[in-house]
Amino acid sequence: MIKVLIADDHQVFRDGIESILEDVEGIEVVAQAEDGRIVLEKLKTITPDVILMDISMGGANGIETTQVITKDYPEIKVLVLSMHDETDYIVKMLEAGAAGYLLKDAGSNEMIKAIQEVYSGGTYYSQQVSAAIVSHLTNANKKKEKQSGIPLTRRETEILELITNEYTNPEIAEKLFISIRTVDTHRRNLLEKLNVKNTAGLVKYALKHGLGDS
């Protein structure tokens, strides 16, 4: 059972999301919160698996709250559910540790899929969000890339960008005309070189250091 906490400053929106999720087998809404301060208060007594996190809330906003959660409650996955599609918001939330980012105009099926994906340890970005991430990577300042301190080969940078855009190993292999085994080797090397544990870590590193096409 996936336990979900809904954090949003609009009661009607929270109730609407809960109404959708209560009919989904394998998902249970265990709490609601109107701002980040209340989220952190509730985490003292309950442990949800996934938090649907709005960004613009009174009290503590979603960015600040996500930073605290990923530091103090690393087992809890934060899935952003926001109306903000600006790159600045997206980057800040992913750097704060969010496992996914969904826009509020997404359909209920996509929201359910996103919850299940981040719960299982993956990441989920809506199509518009993925495009914003890739644009951010592509247009990043090369000076920032040099300051990362960890040199990546051109091939590693290409694969990192494709991973960030949610390409699977077979899709990367097909796009770059290399074998799946080669892609897997590059992925393992990236994890070791960047000292991260999973795909979410690779995405956070890429965003933080502005790695793009060389």
N, C-alpha and C. Protein backbone atom coordinates (compact mmCIF):
# COMPACT_ATOMS: atom_id res chain seq x y z
N MET A 1 0.84 -1.19 0.00
CA MET A 1 0.00 0.00 0.00
C MET A 1 0.88 1.25 0.00
N ILE A 2 0.68 2.12 -0.95
CA ILE A 2 1.43 3.37 -1.03
C ILE A 2 0.70 4.43 -0.23
N LYS A 3 1.34 4.91 0.82
CA LYS A 3 0.73 5.93 1.68
C LYS A 3 1.11 7.32 1.17
N VAL A 4 0.09 8.15 0.93
CA VAL A 4 0.30 9.46 0.31
C VAL A 4 -0.16 10.59 1.22
N LEU A 5 0.65 11.65 1.27
CA LEU A 5 0.27 12.88 1.95
C LEU A 5 0.12 13.96 0.89
N ILE A 6 -0.96 14.71 0.93
CA ILE A 6 -1.22 15.76 -0.04
C ILE A 6 -0.95 17.12 0.59
N ALA A 7 0.01 17.87 0.05
CA ALA A 7 0.36 19.19 0.58
C ALA A 7 0.01 20.26 -0.45
N ASP A 8 -1.00 21.05 -0.14
CA ASP A 8 -1.44 22.11 -1.04
C ASP A 8 -2.25 23.10 -0.22
N ASP A 9 -2.20 24.38 -0.59
CA ASP A 9 -2.88 25.39 0.23
C ASP A 9 -4.34 25.60 -0.17
N HIS A 10 -4.86 24.79 -1.09
CA HIS A 10 -6.26 24.89 -1.48
C HIS A 10 -7.01 23.62 -1.04
N GLN A 11 -7.94 23.79 -0.13
CA GLN A 11 -8.71 22.67 0.41
C GLN A 11 -9.46 21.92 -0.68
N VAL A 12 -10.09 22.66 -1.59
CA VAL A 12 -10.86 22.02 -2.65
C VAL A 12 -9.96 21.13 -3.51
N PHE A 13 -8.76 21.62 -3.81
CA PHE A 13 -7.82 20.83 -4.62
C PHE A 13 -7.40 19.58 -3.86
N ARG A 14 -7.05 19.73 -2.58
CA ARG A 14 -6.65 18.56 -1.79
C ARG A 14 -7.76 17.52 -1.75
N ASP A 15 -8.98 17.98 -1.50
CA ASP A 15 -10.11 17.05 -1.42
C ASP A 15 -10.35 16.36 -2.77
N GLY A 16 -10.14 17.10 -3.86
CA GLY A 16 -10.32 16.52 -5.18
C GLY A 16 -9.31 15.41 -5.46
N ILE A 17 -8.05 15.67 -5.11
CA ILE A 17 -7.00 14.66 -5.30
C ILE A 17 -7.28 13.43 -4.42
N GLU A 18 -7.68 13.67 -3.19
CA GLU A 18 -7.98 12.54 -2.30
C GLU A 18 -9.15 11.72 -2.84
N SER A 19 -10.14 12.39 -3.39
CA SER A 19 -11.29 11.69 -3.95
C SER A 19 -10.88 10.79 -5.11
N ILE A 20 -9.92 11.26 -5.91
CA ILE A 20 -9.42 10.45 -7.03
C ILE A 20 -8.65 9.24 -6.51
N LEU A 21 -7.78 9.48 -5.55
CA LEU A 21 -6.87 8.43 -5.09
C LEU A 21 -7.56 7.39 -4.22
N GLU A 22 -8.65 7.74 -3.55
CA GLU A 22 -9.29 6.79 -2.66
C GLU A 22 -9.91 5.62 -3.42
N ASP A 23 -10.10 5.79 -4.72
CA ASP A 23 -10.65 4.70 -5.54
C ASP A 23 -9.57 3.89 -6.24
N VAL A 24 -8.31 4.22 -5.98
CA VAL A 24 -7.20 3.52 -6.63
C VAL A 24 -6.67 2.42 -5.72
N GLU A 25 -6.70 1.22 -6.21
CA GLU A 25 -6.21 0.08 -5.42
C GLU A 25 -4.70 0.22 -5.19
N GLY A 26 -4.28 0.03 -3.96
CA GLY A 26 -2.85 0.09 -3.64
C GLY A 26 -2.37 1.46 -3.22
N ILE A 27 -3.26 2.46 -3.18
CA ILE A 27 -2.88 3.81 -2.74
C ILE A 27 -3.83 4.26 -1.65
N GLU A 28 -3.27 4.83 -0.60
CA GLU A 28 -4.08 5.33 0.51
C GLU A 28 -3.61 6.74 0.90
N VAL A 29 -4.52 7.69 0.94
CA VAL A 29 -4.19 9.03 1.41
C VAL A 29 -4.25 9.03 2.94
N VAL A 30 -3.11 9.30 3.57
CA VAL A 30 -3.04 9.21 5.04
C VAL A 30 -3.14 10.57 5.71
N ALA A 31 -2.95 11.66 4.93
CA ALA A 31 -3.03 12.99 5.54
C ALA A 31 -3.07 14.06 4.48
N GLN A 32 -3.53 15.25 4.90
CA GLN A 32 -3.47 16.46 4.09
C GLN A 32 -2.75 17.53 4.89
N ALA A 33 -2.17 18.49 4.19
CA ALA A 33 -1.51 19.62 4.86
C ALA A 33 -1.63 20.85 3.97
N GLU A 34 -1.85 22.00 4.59
CA GLU A 34 -2.05 23.22 3.81
C GLU A 34 -0.77 24.00 3.58
N ASP A 35 0.30 23.66 4.27
CA ASP A 35 1.59 24.29 4.00
C ASP A 35 2.72 23.41 4.52
N GLY A 36 3.96 23.84 4.23
CA GLY A 36 5.11 23.03 4.60
C GLY A 36 5.28 22.85 6.09
N ARG A 37 4.93 23.86 6.86
CA ARG A 37 5.07 23.75 8.32
C ARG A 37 4.21 22.62 8.86
N ILE A 38 2.99 22.51 8.35
CA ILE A 38 2.08 21.46 8.80
C ILE A 38 2.56 20.09 8.31
N VAL A 39 3.13 20.05 7.12
CA VAL A 39 3.71 18.80 6.61
C VAL A 39 4.73 18.26 7.61
N LEU A 40 5.68 19.11 8.00
CA LEU A 40 6.74 18.68 8.90
C LEU A 40 6.19 18.30 10.28
N GLU A 41 5.12 18.97 10.69
CA GLU A 41 4.47 18.63 11.97
C GLU A 41 3.88 17.23 11.89
N LYS A 42 3.21 16.93 10.78
CA LYS A 42 2.57 15.63 10.62
C LYS A 42 3.59 14.49 10.50
N LEU A 43 4.77 14.81 9.96
CA LEU A 43 5.79 13.77 9.80
C LEU A 43 6.35 13.30 11.14
N LYS A 44 6.02 13.98 12.21
CA LYS A 44 6.44 13.54 13.54
C LYS A 44 5.63 12.34 14.01
N THR A 45 4.45 12.16 13.40
CA THR A 45 3.57 11.08 13.85
C THR A 45 3.20 10.09 12.76
N ILE A 46 3.36 10.45 11.50
CA ILE A 46 3.05 9.54 10.40
C ILE A 46 4.21 9.51 9.41
N THR A 47 4.30 8.42 8.65
CA THR A 47 5.37 8.30 7.67
C THR A 47 4.78 7.91 6.32
N PRO A 48 4.43 8.89 5.51
CA PRO A 48 3.93 8.58 4.16
C PRO A 48 5.07 8.08 3.27
N ASP A 49 4.70 7.38 2.23
CA ASP A 49 5.71 6.93 1.26
C ASP A 49 5.97 8.02 0.22
N VAL A 50 4.92 8.73 -0.16
CA VAL A 50 5.01 9.77 -1.19
C VAL A 50 4.27 11.01 -0.71
N ILE A 51 4.89 12.17 -0.91
CA ILE A 51 4.21 13.44 -0.62
C ILE A 51 3.98 14.17 -1.93
N LEU A 52 2.70 14.47 -2.22
CA LEU A 52 2.37 15.32 -3.36
C LEU A 52 2.55 16.76 -2.90
N MET A 53 3.55 17.44 -3.41
CA MET A 53 3.99 18.72 -2.86
C MET A 53 3.73 19.89 -3.81
N ASP A 54 2.93 20.84 -3.36
CA ASP A 54 2.77 22.09 -4.09
C ASP A 54 4.00 22.96 -3.80
N ILE A 55 4.24 23.98 -4.59
CA ILE A 55 5.38 24.87 -4.36
C ILE A 55 4.97 26.12 -3.60
N SER A 56 3.98 26.83 -4.13
CA SER A 56 3.58 28.10 -3.52
C SER A 56 2.54 27.86 -2.43
N MET A 57 3.01 27.84 -1.20
CA MET A 57 2.14 27.65 -0.05
C MET A 57 2.52 28.66 1.02
N GLY A 58 1.58 29.00 1.88
CA GLY A 58 1.90 29.87 3.01
C GLY A 58 2.74 29.11 4.02
N GLY A 59 3.25 29.80 5.03
CA GLY A 59 4.12 29.12 6.00
C GLY A 59 5.45 28.81 5.34
N ALA A 60 5.79 27.53 5.26
CA ALA A 60 7.01 27.11 4.56
C ALA A 60 6.61 26.64 3.16
N ASN A 61 7.28 27.14 2.13
CA ASN A 61 6.92 26.73 0.78
C ASN A 61 7.44 25.34 0.44
N GLY A 62 7.08 24.88 -0.75
CA GLY A 62 7.44 23.52 -1.14
C GLY A 62 8.92 23.28 -1.31
N ILE A 63 9.64 24.29 -1.75
CA ILE A 63 11.09 24.13 -1.94
C ILE A 63 11.79 23.93 -0.59
N GLU A 64 11.51 24.82 0.35
CA GLU A 64 12.11 24.72 1.68
C GLU A 64 11.74 23.41 2.35
N THR A 65 10.48 23.04 2.24
CA THR A 65 9.99 21.83 2.89
C THR A 65 10.63 20.58 2.28
N THR A 66 10.77 20.57 0.97
CA THR A 66 11.39 19.42 0.30
C THR A 66 12.85 19.27 0.73
N GLN A 67 13.56 20.37 0.89
CA GLN A 67 14.95 20.32 1.34
C GLN A 67 15.05 19.64 2.71
N VAL A 68 14.14 19.99 3.61
CA VAL A 68 14.13 19.40 4.95
C VAL A 68 13.79 17.91 4.87
N ILE A 69 12.78 17.57 4.09
CA ILE A 69 12.33 16.18 4.00
C ILE A 69 13.42 15.28 3.45
N THR A 70 14.06 15.70 2.36
CA THR A 70 15.09 14.84 1.75
C THR A 70 16.30 14.69 2.66
N LYS A 71 16.51 15.64 3.55
CA LYS A 71 17.62 15.56 4.50
C LYS A 71 17.25 14.71 5.73
N ASP A 72 16.07 14.96 6.29
CA ASP A 72 15.69 14.31 7.54
C ASP A 72 14.86 13.04 7.35
N TYR A 73 14.19 12.92 6.22
CA TYR A 73 13.35 11.75 5.93
C TYR A 73 13.65 11.23 4.52
N PRO A 74 14.87 10.76 4.28
CA PRO A 74 15.27 10.38 2.92
C PRO A 74 14.46 9.25 2.32
N GLU A 75 13.77 8.49 3.16
CA GLU A 75 12.96 7.38 2.64
C GLU A 75 11.65 7.86 2.01
N ILE A 76 11.26 9.09 2.28
CA ILE A 76 10.02 9.64 1.75
C ILE A 76 10.28 10.28 0.38
N LYS A 77 9.47 9.94 -0.60
CA LYS A 77 9.62 10.49 -1.95
C LYS A 77 8.72 11.71 -2.12
N VAL A 78 9.28 12.78 -2.65
CA VAL A 78 8.51 14.00 -2.90
C VAL A 78 8.21 14.09 -4.40
N LEU A 79 6.92 14.18 -4.70
CA LEU A 79 6.47 14.36 -6.08
C LEU A 79 5.80 15.72 -6.18
N VAL A 80 6.40 16.62 -6.93
CA VAL A 80 5.86 17.98 -7.07
C VAL A 80 4.58 17.93 -7.91
N LEU A 81 3.56 18.62 -7.43
CA LEU A 81 2.32 18.77 -8.19
C LEU A 81 2.00 20.26 -8.16
N SER A 82 2.39 20.95 -9.24
CA SER A 82 2.35 22.41 -9.23
C SER A 82 1.84 22.98 -10.54
N MET A 83 1.37 24.21 -10.50
CA MET A 83 0.97 24.91 -11.72
C MET A 83 2.18 25.58 -12.36
N HIS A 84 3.31 25.68 -11.64
CA HIS A 84 4.49 26.38 -12.15
C HIS A 84 5.25 25.51 -13.16
N ASP A 85 5.36 26.01 -14.39
CA ASP A 85 6.13 25.28 -15.39
C ASP A 85 7.42 26.01 -15.76
N GLU A 86 7.75 27.06 -14.98
CA GLU A 86 8.98 27.81 -15.25
C GLU A 86 10.20 26.99 -14.87
N THR A 87 11.25 27.08 -15.70
CA THR A 87 12.45 26.29 -15.47
C THR A 87 13.06 26.53 -14.10
N ASP A 88 13.02 27.78 -13.62
CA ASP A 88 13.61 28.11 -12.33
C ASP A 88 12.98 27.30 -11.21
N TYR A 89 11.66 27.21 -11.20
CA TYR A 89 10.97 26.43 -10.18
C TYR A 89 11.32 24.95 -10.30
N ILE A 90 11.31 24.45 -11.53
CA ILE A 90 11.60 23.03 -11.76
C ILE A 90 12.99 22.67 -11.25
N VAL A 91 13.98 23.49 -11.63
CA VAL A 91 15.36 23.22 -11.22
C VAL A 91 15.51 23.27 -9.70
N LYS A 92 14.91 24.27 -9.07
CA LYS A 92 15.02 24.40 -7.61
C LYS A 92 14.40 23.22 -6.89
N MET A 93 13.26 22.75 -7.36
CA MET A 93 12.62 21.61 -6.70
C MET A 93 13.42 20.32 -6.89
N LEU A 94 13.97 20.11 -8.08
CA LEU A 94 14.75 18.90 -8.30
C LEU A 94 16.07 18.95 -7.55
N GLU A 95 16.67 20.13 -7.47
CA GLU A 95 17.90 20.27 -6.68
C GLU A 95 17.60 20.07 -5.20
N ALA A 96 16.39 20.41 -4.78
CA ALA A 96 16.00 20.21 -3.38
C ALA A 96 15.81 18.74 -3.05
N GLY A 97 15.67 17.92 -4.09
CA GLY A 97 15.58 16.48 -3.87
C GLY A 97 14.29 15.83 -4.31
N ALA A 98 13.41 16.56 -4.99
CA ALA A 98 12.16 15.98 -5.46
C ALA A 98 12.44 14.85 -6.46
N ALA A 99 11.67 13.79 -6.36
CA ALA A 99 11.86 12.63 -7.24
C ALA A 99 11.08 12.76 -8.54
N GLY A 100 10.17 13.74 -8.59
CA GLY A 100 9.39 13.91 -9.80
C GLY A 100 8.70 15.26 -9.80
N TYR A 101 8.21 15.63 -10.98
CA TYR A 101 7.58 16.95 -11.11
C TYR A 101 6.44 16.82 -12.11
N LEU A 102 5.23 17.10 -11.63
CA LEU A 102 4.03 16.97 -12.44
C LEU A 102 3.28 18.29 -12.41
N LEU A 103 2.75 18.70 -13.56
CA LEU A 103 1.96 19.92 -13.60
C LEU A 103 0.51 19.61 -13.24
N LYS A 104 -0.17 20.61 -12.67
CA LYS A 104 -1.52 20.38 -12.16
C LYS A 104 -2.54 20.10 -13.26
N ASP A 105 -2.18 20.39 -14.51
CA ASP A 105 -3.13 20.09 -15.57
C ASP A 105 -2.98 18.66 -16.10
N ALA A 106 -2.14 17.86 -15.41
CA ALA A 106 -1.98 16.46 -15.79
C ALA A 106 -3.27 15.69 -15.49
N GLY A 107 -3.51 14.63 -16.21
CA GLY A 107 -4.68 13.81 -15.97
C GLY A 107 -4.48 12.91 -14.76
N SER A 108 -5.56 12.36 -14.26
CA SER A 108 -5.49 11.51 -13.07
C SER A 108 -4.65 10.26 -13.32
N ASN A 109 -4.72 9.70 -14.52
CA ASN A 109 -3.94 8.49 -14.82
C ASN A 109 -2.45 8.77 -14.76
N GLU A 110 -2.05 9.95 -15.27
CA GLU A 110 -0.63 10.30 -15.23
C GLU A 110 -0.18 10.53 -13.79
N MET A 111 -1.03 11.15 -12.98
CA MET A 111 -0.68 11.37 -11.58
C MET A 111 -0.49 10.04 -10.85
N ILE A 112 -1.37 9.11 -11.08
CA ILE A 112 -1.27 7.79 -10.44
C ILE A 112 0.01 7.08 -10.88
N LYS A 113 0.29 7.15 -12.18
CA LYS A 113 1.52 6.55 -12.70
C LYS A 113 2.75 7.18 -12.07
N ALA A 114 2.73 8.50 -11.91
CA ALA A 114 3.87 9.21 -11.32
C ALA A 114 4.07 8.78 -9.86
N ILE A 115 3.00 8.67 -9.11
CA ILE A 115 3.08 8.23 -7.71
C ILE A 115 3.71 6.85 -7.64
N GLN A 116 3.25 5.95 -8.46
CA GLN A 116 3.77 4.57 -8.46
C GLN A 116 5.23 4.54 -8.86
N GLU A 117 5.60 5.39 -9.82
CA GLU A 117 6.98 5.41 -10.32
C GLU A 117 7.96 5.89 -9.25
N VAL A 118 7.65 7.01 -8.61
CA VAL A 118 8.59 7.52 -7.60
C VAL A 118 8.60 6.63 -6.37
N TYR A 119 7.48 6.01 -6.05
CA TYR A 119 7.43 5.08 -4.91
C TYR A 119 8.37 3.90 -5.14
N SER A 120 8.45 3.46 -6.39
CA SER A 120 9.29 2.29 -6.71
C SER A 120 10.77 2.66 -6.85
N GLY A 121 11.09 3.94 -6.62
CA GLY A 121 12.49 4.35 -6.66
C GLY A 121 12.90 5.05 -7.94
N GLY A 122 11.95 5.25 -8.84
CA GLY A 122 12.26 5.92 -10.09
C GLY A 122 12.02 7.41 -10.02
N THR A 123 12.04 8.04 -11.17
CA THR A 123 11.73 9.47 -11.27
C THR A 123 10.61 9.63 -12.28
N TYR A 124 9.90 10.75 -12.18
CA TYR A 124 8.84 11.00 -13.16
C TYR A 124 8.73 12.49 -13.41
N TYR A 125 8.83 12.87 -14.68
CA TYR A 125 8.65 14.25 -15.09
C TYR A 125 7.64 14.29 -16.22
N SER A 126 6.68 15.20 -16.14
CA SER A 126 5.73 15.34 -17.23
C SER A 126 6.49 15.81 -18.47
N GLN A 127 5.88 15.65 -19.62
CA GLN A 127 6.57 15.95 -20.89
C GLN A 127 7.07 17.39 -20.93
N GLN A 128 6.26 18.32 -20.48
CA GLN A 128 6.65 19.73 -20.50
C GLN A 128 7.82 20.00 -19.56
N VAL A 129 7.82 19.31 -18.43
CA VAL A 129 8.90 19.46 -17.46
C VAL A 129 10.19 18.88 -18.02
N SER A 130 10.10 17.72 -18.65
CA SER A 130 11.29 17.10 -19.27
C SER A 130 11.91 18.03 -20.30
N ALA A 131 11.07 18.69 -21.10
CA ALA A 131 11.56 19.61 -22.11
C ALA A 131 12.29 20.78 -21.46
N ALA A 132 11.77 21.26 -20.34
CA ALA A 132 12.40 22.38 -19.64
C ALA A 132 13.76 21.96 -19.08
N ILE A 133 13.84 20.73 -18.58
CA ILE A 133 15.10 20.23 -18.03
C ILE A 133 16.16 20.14 -19.12
N VAL A 134 15.77 19.57 -20.25
CA VAL A 134 16.73 19.43 -21.36
C VAL A 134 17.18 20.80 -21.86
N SER A 135 16.25 21.74 -21.94
CA SER A 135 16.60 23.09 -22.37
C SER A 135 17.59 23.71 -21.40
N HIS A 136 17.37 23.49 -20.10
CA HIS A 136 18.28 24.02 -19.08
C HIS A 136 19.67 23.42 -19.24
N LEU A 137 19.74 22.12 -19.48
CA LEU A 137 21.03 21.46 -19.64
C LEU A 137 21.75 21.95 -20.90
N THR A 138 20.99 22.05 -21.98
CA THR A 138 21.59 22.43 -23.26
C THR A 138 22.13 23.85 -23.24
N ASN A 139 21.41 24.75 -22.54
CA ASN A 139 21.78 26.17 -22.55
C ASN A 139 22.65 26.57 -21.35
N ALA A 140 23.06 25.59 -20.56
CA ALA A 140 23.85 25.91 -19.37
C ALA A 140 25.18 26.55 -19.73
N ASN A 141 25.65 27.41 -18.87
CA ASN A 141 26.92 28.10 -19.08
C ASN A 141 28.08 27.11 -19.04
N LYS A 142 28.94 27.13 -20.07
CA LYS A 142 30.05 26.19 -20.13
C LYS A 142 31.05 26.42 -18.99
N LYS A 143 31.12 27.64 -18.53
CA LYS A 143 32.00 27.92 -17.41
C LYS A 143 31.58 27.14 -16.18
N LYS A 144 30.28 27.04 -15.98
CA LYS A 144 29.77 26.28 -14.85
C LYS A 144 30.12 24.82 -14.99
N GLU A 145 30.09 24.34 -16.22
CA GLU A 145 30.44 22.95 -16.47
C GLU A 145 31.90 22.68 -16.08
N LYS A 146 32.77 23.62 -16.43
CA LYS A 146 34.18 23.45 -16.11
C LYS A 146 34.42 23.48 -14.60
N GLN A 147 33.56 24.21 -13.90
CA GLN A 147 33.72 24.34 -12.45
C GLN A 147 33.23 23.12 -11.70
N SER A 148 32.61 22.17 -12.40
CA SER A 148 32.07 21.01 -11.71
C SER A 148 33.18 20.19 -11.06
N GLY A 149 34.40 20.28 -11.62
CA GLY A 149 35.53 19.58 -11.00
C GLY A 149 35.63 18.12 -11.39
N ILE A 150 34.63 17.59 -12.10
CA ILE A 150 34.64 16.20 -12.52
C ILE A 150 34.50 16.16 -14.03
N PRO A 151 35.60 15.89 -14.74
CA PRO A 151 35.54 15.90 -16.20
C PRO A 151 34.74 14.71 -16.73
N LEU A 152 33.81 14.98 -17.62
CA LEU A 152 33.05 13.93 -18.28
C LEU A 152 33.43 13.91 -19.75
N THR A 153 33.47 12.73 -20.33
CA THR A 153 33.73 12.63 -21.75
C THR A 153 32.49 13.11 -22.52
N ARG A 154 32.67 13.37 -23.78
CA ARG A 154 31.54 13.80 -24.61
C ARG A 154 30.44 12.74 -24.59
N ARG A 155 30.82 11.47 -24.68
CA ARG A 155 29.85 10.38 -24.67
C ARG A 155 29.11 10.31 -23.34
N GLU A 156 29.84 10.49 -22.24
CA GLU A 156 29.20 10.47 -20.92
C GLU A 156 28.20 11.62 -20.79
N THR A 157 28.58 12.78 -21.32
CA THR A 157 27.67 13.94 -21.26
C THR A 157 26.42 13.67 -22.08
N GLU A 158 26.58 13.07 -23.27
CA GLU A 158 25.43 12.73 -24.11
C GLU A 158 24.50 11.77 -23.38
N ILE A 159 25.07 10.75 -22.77
CA ILE A 159 24.26 9.75 -22.07
C ILE A 159 23.59 10.36 -20.85
N LEU A 160 24.30 11.23 -20.14
CA LEU A 160 23.71 11.89 -18.98
C LEU A 160 22.49 12.72 -19.39
N GLU A 161 22.59 13.43 -20.50
CA GLU A 161 21.45 14.22 -20.98
C GLU A 161 20.27 13.33 -21.33
N LEU A 162 20.54 12.20 -21.98
CA LEU A 162 19.45 11.30 -22.37
C LEU A 162 18.82 10.64 -21.15
N ILE A 163 19.64 10.30 -20.16
CA ILE A 163 19.10 9.74 -18.92
C ILE A 163 18.18 10.76 -18.25
N THR A 164 18.63 12.02 -18.25
CA THR A 164 17.83 13.09 -17.63
C THR A 164 16.50 13.26 -18.35
N ASN A 165 16.50 12.96 -19.65
CA ASN A 165 15.27 13.07 -20.44
C ASN A 165 14.48 11.76 -20.44
N GLU A 166 14.83 10.86 -19.48
CA GLU A 166 14.07 9.63 -19.22
C GLU A 166 14.17 8.59 -20.34
N TYR A 167 15.26 8.61 -21.10
CA TYR A 167 15.49 7.55 -22.07
C TYR A 167 15.92 6.27 -21.34
N THR A 168 15.44 5.13 -21.78
CA THR A 168 15.88 3.86 -21.22
C THR A 168 17.20 3.46 -21.87
N ASN A 169 17.87 2.46 -21.30
CA ASN A 169 19.14 2.00 -21.87
C ASN A 169 18.98 1.56 -23.33
N PRO A 170 17.94 0.77 -23.67
CA PRO A 170 17.77 0.39 -25.08
C PRO A 170 17.54 1.60 -25.99
N GLU A 171 16.79 2.58 -25.51
CA GLU A 171 16.52 3.78 -26.32
C GLU A 171 17.80 4.58 -26.53
N ILE A 172 18.63 4.67 -25.49
CA ILE A 172 19.91 5.38 -25.61
C ILE A 172 20.81 4.67 -26.61
N ALA A 173 20.84 3.34 -26.50
CA ALA A 173 21.68 2.54 -27.41
C ALA A 173 21.26 2.76 -28.86
N GLU A 174 19.96 2.78 -29.11
CA GLU A 174 19.45 2.98 -30.47
C GLU A 174 19.77 4.38 -30.98
N LYS A 175 19.63 5.38 -30.13
CA LYS A 175 19.85 6.76 -30.54
C LYS A 175 21.32 7.04 -30.83
N LEU A 176 22.21 6.43 -30.03
CA LEU A 176 23.64 6.71 -30.18
C LEU A 176 24.37 5.65 -31.01
N PHE A 177 23.62 4.63 -31.49
CA PHE A 177 24.20 3.57 -32.31
C PHE A 177 25.31 2.81 -31.58
N ILE A 178 25.03 2.49 -30.32
CA ILE A 178 25.96 1.69 -29.54
C ILE A 178 25.18 0.55 -28.89
N SER A 179 25.89 -0.41 -28.30
CA SER A 179 25.20 -1.55 -27.70
C SER A 179 24.61 -1.19 -26.34
N ILE A 180 23.60 -1.95 -25.94
CA ILE A 180 22.99 -1.74 -24.63
C ILE A 180 24.02 -1.98 -23.53
N ARG A 181 24.89 -2.95 -23.75
CA ARG A 181 25.93 -3.23 -22.75
C ARG A 181 26.86 -2.03 -22.58
N THR A 182 27.18 -1.36 -23.68
CA THR A 182 28.03 -0.16 -23.61
C THR A 182 27.32 0.94 -22.83
N VAL A 183 26.03 1.12 -23.09
CA VAL A 183 25.25 2.12 -22.35
C VAL A 183 25.27 1.80 -20.85
N ASP A 184 25.05 0.53 -20.53
CA ASP A 184 25.03 0.12 -19.13
C ASP A 184 26.37 0.40 -18.46
N THR A 185 27.46 0.17 -19.19
CA THR A 185 28.80 0.45 -18.65
C THR A 185 28.98 1.94 -18.40
N HIS A 186 28.56 2.77 -19.36
CA HIS A 186 28.66 4.22 -19.18
C HIS A 186 27.81 4.68 -17.99
N ARG A 187 26.62 4.11 -17.83
CA ARG A 187 25.74 4.48 -16.72
C ARG A 187 26.40 4.14 -15.38
N ARG A 188 26.98 2.95 -15.28
CA ARG A 188 27.66 2.55 -14.04
C ARG A 188 28.86 3.46 -13.77
N ASN A 189 29.59 3.81 -14.83
CA ASN A 189 30.73 4.70 -14.67
C ASN A 189 30.29 6.08 -14.18
N LEU A 190 29.18 6.57 -14.70
CA LEU A 190 28.66 7.87 -14.28
C LEU A 190 28.27 7.84 -12.80
N LEU A 191 27.59 6.78 -12.39
CA LEU A 191 27.20 6.65 -10.98
C LEU A 191 28.43 6.68 -10.07
N GLU A 192 29.47 5.94 -10.49
CA GLU A 192 30.69 5.87 -9.68
C GLU A 192 31.46 7.19 -9.73
N LYS A 193 31.60 7.77 -10.92
CA LYS A 193 32.37 8.99 -11.07
C LYS A 193 31.73 10.16 -10.34
N LEU A 194 30.39 10.24 -10.40
CA LEU A 194 29.68 11.36 -9.78
C LEU A 194 29.28 11.07 -8.35
N ASN A 195 29.59 9.86 -7.89
CA ASN A 195 29.34 9.47 -6.50
C ASN A 195 27.86 9.62 -6.13
N VAL A 196 26.99 9.09 -7.00
CA VAL A 196 25.55 9.08 -6.72
C VAL A 196 25.06 7.64 -6.80
N LYS A 197 23.86 7.40 -6.26
CA LYS A 197 23.37 6.03 -6.12
C LYS A 197 22.41 5.58 -7.20
N ASN A 198 21.71 6.53 -7.84
CA ASN A 198 20.66 6.14 -8.77
C ASN A 198 20.43 7.23 -9.82
N THR A 199 19.40 7.00 -10.65
CA THR A 199 19.08 7.93 -11.73
C THR A 199 18.73 9.32 -11.19
N ALA A 200 17.98 9.36 -10.09
CA ALA A 200 17.62 10.65 -9.50
C ALA A 200 18.87 11.44 -9.14
N GLY A 201 19.89 10.74 -8.64
CA GLY A 201 21.15 11.40 -8.29
C GLY A 201 21.85 11.96 -9.51
N LEU A 202 21.79 11.23 -10.62
CA LEU A 202 22.40 11.72 -11.86
C LEU A 202 21.69 12.98 -12.34
N VAL A 203 20.36 12.99 -12.28
CA VAL A 203 19.59 14.16 -12.71
C VAL A 203 19.91 15.36 -11.84
N LYS A 204 19.95 15.17 -10.53
CA LYS A 204 20.26 16.27 -9.61
C LYS A 204 21.64 16.83 -9.88
N TYR A 205 22.62 15.94 -10.14
CA TYR A 205 23.98 16.40 -10.41
C TYR A 205 24.01 17.22 -11.69
N ALA A 206 23.33 16.72 -12.73
CA ALA A 206 23.33 17.42 -14.01
C ALA A 206 22.73 18.81 -13.88
N LEU A 207 21.65 18.91 -13.14
CA LEU A 207 21.01 20.22 -12.95
C LEU A 207 21.89 21.15 -12.13
N LYS A 208 22.50 20.61 -11.10
CA LYS A 208 23.33 21.44 -10.23
C LYS A 208 24.52 22.01 -10.96
N HIS A 209 25.13 21.22 -11.84
CA HIS A 209 26.36 21.63 -12.50
C HIS A 209 26.15 22.13 -13.92
N GLY A 210 24.91 22.17 -14.38
CA GLY A 210 24.64 22.74 -15.70
C GLY A 210 25.33 22.02 -16.83
N LEU A 211 25.37 20.71 -16.74
CA LEU A 211 26.06 19.96 -17.80
C LEU A 211 25.19 19.88 -19.03
N GLY A 212 25.78 20.25 -20.18
CA GLY A 212 25.02 20.21 -21.44
C GLY A 212 25.91 19.71 -22.55
N ASP A 213 25.46 19.91 -23.75
CA ASP A 213 26.27 19.48 -24.90
C ASP A 213 27.61 20.23 -24.90
N SER A 214 28.64 19.51 -25.15
CA SER A 214 29.96 20.14 -25.19
C SER A 214 30.25 20.62 -26.60
